[in-house]
Protein backbone atom coordinates (compact mmCIF):
# COMPACT_ATOMS: atom_id res chain seq x y z
CA MET A 1 12.77 118.25 105.17
CA ASP A 2 14.82 118.40 108.37
CA GLU A 3 17.26 115.63 109.32
CA LEU A 4 14.92 113.96 111.83
CA GLY A 5 12.10 113.99 109.28
CA ILE A 6 14.43 112.33 106.78
CA TYR A 7 15.23 109.48 109.21
CA LEU A 8 11.55 109.08 110.13
CA HIS A 9 10.75 108.75 106.42
CA LEU A 10 13.63 106.29 105.91
CA GLY A 11 12.41 104.10 108.80
CA PHE A 12 8.88 104.12 107.44
CA ARG A 13 10.04 103.30 103.90
CA HIS A 14 12.35 100.56 105.16
CA ILE A 15 9.56 98.66 106.93
CA ILE A 16 6.98 98.95 104.13
CA ASP A 17 9.38 98.33 101.24
CA TRP A 18 8.78 94.88 99.76
CA GLY A 19 12.58 94.50 99.70
CA GLY A 20 12.13 94.18 103.47
CA SER A 21 9.39 91.59 103.07
CA ASP A 22 10.82 89.57 105.96
CA HIS A 23 9.74 92.27 108.42
CA ILE A 24 6.33 92.63 106.76
CA LEU A 25 5.82 88.85 106.98
CA PHE A 26 6.80 88.81 110.63
CA VAL A 27 4.29 91.54 111.52
CA MET A 28 1.70 89.67 109.46
CA ALA A 29 2.39 86.39 111.30
CA LEU A 30 2.02 88.23 114.63
CA THR A 31 -1.19 89.97 113.60
CA LEU A 32 -3.10 87.12 111.95
CA ARG A 33 -4.53 85.68 115.18
CA TYR A 34 -6.22 88.98 116.05
CA ILE A 35 -9.24 90.85 114.70
CA TRP A 36 -10.23 94.50 115.03
CA SER A 37 -11.89 94.06 118.43
CA ASP A 38 -8.59 92.66 119.81
CA TRP A 39 -6.78 95.93 119.11
CA LYS A 40 -5.63 96.42 122.75
CA LYS A 41 -3.96 93.00 122.88
CA LEU A 42 -2.46 93.58 119.46
CA LEU A 43 -1.10 96.96 120.52
CA VAL A 44 0.69 95.31 123.48
CA LEU A 45 2.08 92.68 121.12
CA ILE A 46 3.40 95.17 118.55
CA THR A 47 4.81 97.32 121.37
CA ALA A 48 6.69 94.28 122.72
CA PHE A 49 8.18 93.73 119.26
CA THR A 50 9.06 97.43 118.98
CA ILE A 51 10.76 97.45 122.39
CA GLY A 52 12.82 94.43 121.37
CA HIS A 53 13.99 95.83 118.07
CA SER A 54 14.55 99.29 119.56
CA ILE A 55 16.95 97.85 122.14
CA THR A 56 19.16 95.97 119.69
CA LEU A 57 18.86 98.66 117.04
CA ALA A 58 20.32 101.14 119.54
CA LEU A 59 22.95 98.75 120.92
CA SER A 60 24.12 97.68 117.48
CA THR A 61 24.11 101.18 116.01
CA LEU A 62 26.26 102.31 118.94
CA ASN A 63 28.56 99.32 118.25
CA TRP A 64 27.93 97.85 121.72
CA VAL A 65 26.81 94.53 120.22
CA ASN A 66 27.83 92.95 116.97
CA PHE A 67 26.61 89.77 115.33
CA PRO A 68 27.48 88.38 111.91
CA THR A 69 25.10 89.71 109.26
CA THR A 70 24.77 86.25 107.72
CA LEU A 71 23.53 84.78 111.01
CA ILE A 72 20.98 87.56 111.53
CA GLU A 73 19.73 87.24 107.94
CA ILE A 74 19.05 83.54 108.56
CA LEU A 75 17.50 84.07 112.02
CA ILE A 76 14.98 86.67 110.81
CA PRO A 77 12.99 84.27 108.56
CA ILE A 78 13.27 81.64 111.30
CA THR A 79 11.42 84.08 113.61
CA ILE A 80 8.67 84.32 110.96
CA LEU A 81 8.54 80.54 110.68
CA LEU A 82 8.26 80.01 114.45
CA THR A 83 5.66 82.75 114.88
CA ALA A 84 3.51 81.41 112.03
CA LEU A 85 3.83 77.85 113.38
CA SER A 86 2.73 79.04 116.83
CA ASN A 87 -0.52 80.23 115.22
CA PHE A 88 -1.52 76.59 114.61
CA TRP A 89 -1.69 76.04 118.39
CA VAL A 90 -4.33 78.74 118.90
CA LYS A 91 -7.31 76.68 120.10
CA ASP A 92 -9.70 79.49 120.85
CA PHE A 93 -9.48 83.21 120.52
CA GLU A 94 -10.15 84.12 124.14
CA PHE A 95 -6.46 84.83 124.99
CA LYS A 96 -7.27 84.43 128.69
CA ALA A 97 -3.68 84.59 129.92
CA LYS A 98 -2.73 88.14 130.80
CA TYR A 99 0.66 87.76 129.11
CA PRO A 100 0.57 84.85 126.66
CA LEU A 101 3.84 83.38 125.38
CA ILE A 102 3.41 85.23 122.08
CA TYR A 103 4.21 88.55 123.82
CA PHE A 104 7.54 87.24 125.05
CA LEU A 105 8.30 85.75 121.65
CA ALA A 106 7.53 89.11 120.03
CA LEU A 107 9.95 90.86 122.40
CA PHE A 108 12.69 88.27 121.86
CA PHE A 109 12.20 88.14 118.10
CA GLY A 110 12.17 91.94 118.06
CA LEU A 111 15.73 91.81 119.42
CA ILE A 112 16.75 89.78 116.35
CA HIS A 113 14.92 92.06 113.92
CA GLY A 114 16.56 95.11 115.48
CA LEU A 115 19.94 93.72 114.54
CA GLY A 116 18.70 93.36 110.97
CA PHE A 117 17.53 96.99 110.89
CA SER A 118 20.80 98.19 112.42
CA TYR A 119 23.02 97.29 109.46
CA TYR A 120 20.86 99.44 107.22
CA LEU A 121 20.79 102.31 109.72
CA LYS A 122 24.57 102.18 110.34
CA SER A 123 25.19 102.59 106.63
CA LEU A 124 22.94 105.69 106.63
CA LEU A 125 24.38 107.36 109.70
CA GLY A 126 27.92 107.50 108.38
CA LYS A 127 29.72 110.13 110.41
CA GLU A 128 26.80 111.78 112.20
CA GLU A 129 27.94 113.61 115.33
CA SER A 130 24.98 112.41 117.39
CA ILE A 131 23.00 109.34 116.46
CA PHE A 132 20.28 109.63 119.11
CA GLY A 133 17.96 111.94 117.14
CA PRO A 134 18.28 109.95 113.90
CA LEU A 135 17.96 106.67 115.82
CA PHE A 136 14.75 107.82 117.53
CA SER A 137 13.29 109.15 114.27
CA PHE A 138 14.18 105.99 112.35
CA ASN A 139 12.55 103.87 115.09
CA LEU A 140 9.45 106.05 115.03
CA GLY A 141 9.24 105.62 111.25
CA LEU A 142 9.54 101.85 111.67
CA GLU A 143 6.72 101.89 114.22
CA VAL A 144 4.42 103.94 111.97
CA GLY A 145 5.14 101.52 109.12
CA GLN A 146 4.42 98.52 111.36
CA LEU A 147 1.12 100.01 112.47
CA LEU A 148 0.16 100.58 108.82
CA ILE A 149 0.87 96.89 108.09
CA VAL A 150 -1.20 95.90 111.15
CA VAL A 151 -4.16 98.00 109.96
CA ILE A 152 -3.95 96.44 106.48
CA ILE A 153 -3.89 92.90 107.95
CA LEU A 154 -6.86 93.76 110.20
CA ILE A 155 -8.81 95.09 107.20
CA ILE A 156 -8.03 91.85 105.33
CA SER A 157 -9.31 89.91 108.36
CA ILE A 158 -12.56 91.92 108.28
CA ILE A 159 -12.99 91.04 104.60
CA PHE A 160 -12.39 87.32 105.11
CA VAL A 161 -13.81 86.68 108.60
CA SER A 162 -16.70 89.14 108.70
CA ALA A 163 -17.70 89.72 105.07
CA LEU A 164 -16.84 86.37 103.44
CA LYS A 165 -17.62 84.36 106.60
CA VAL A 166 -14.37 82.35 106.55
CA SER A 167 -13.91 80.83 110.02
CA ARG A 168 -11.37 82.66 112.08
CA LYS A 169 -9.36 79.47 112.62
CA ARG A 170 -9.31 78.69 108.88
CA TYR A 171 -8.23 82.27 108.09
CA LEU A 172 -5.42 81.96 110.64
CA GLN A 173 -4.30 78.62 109.18
CA ILE A 174 -4.30 79.87 105.58
CA GLY A 175 -2.43 83.09 106.40
CA SER A 176 0.05 81.26 108.62
CA GLY A 177 0.59 78.58 105.96
CA LEU A 178 1.43 81.31 103.45
CA ALA A 179 3.86 82.92 105.93
CA ILE A 180 5.49 79.53 106.60
CA ALA A 181 5.98 78.83 102.89
CA LEU A 182 7.52 82.26 102.27
CA ALA A 183 9.71 82.05 105.39
CA LEU A 184 11.00 78.60 104.40
CA ASN A 185 11.87 79.97 100.98
CA MET A 186 13.78 82.85 102.62
CA VAL A 187 15.68 80.47 104.90
CA LEU A 188 16.69 78.31 101.92
CA ASP A 189 17.69 81.37 99.88
CA ARG A 190 19.98 82.48 102.71
CA VAL A 191 21.36 79.08 103.75
CA LEU A 192 21.97 77.37 100.40
CA PRO A 193 24.66 79.83 99.21
CA LEU A 194 26.59 79.06 102.41
CA ILE A 195 26.69 75.31 101.77
């Protein structure tokens, strides 16, 4: 496997690895409000998140920005918590606004997640002469992994909303409640050792 293929594989594995459950939960919290027929809106949303994390992943990997790892590790589950909480304010599923607030949140929260990815990527790059190829490949692998998670969440929504006839609002509340509980646990796990 060539070097770029290796970094693509590493990015993919990093996003789908349950050790990185914080990123999986975030994508889940973003995706829960959508169903298969909303795929265009969801694609814009995931792209906003990808743009955000691509920016800070690049800036941090190039050592142009630096934030304490401890702070980023606490902020990441807070992004999950806020995203899942925002799902409780979905009144209908029309999404009439061309650019709802959730898109801007996804972009902003993507910036935070990119910093989280960057510490892993920096440790892999070591003394590479050029980081642009590996950085692009790693990002592409992350995106493929995210899209796989999105497809799995959409299939789960088909099972619950279409096949089992759970109301879409109830499905959103249950999934978001689960994400909130797990995110709160992550926040506590990361904050309590600091106290």
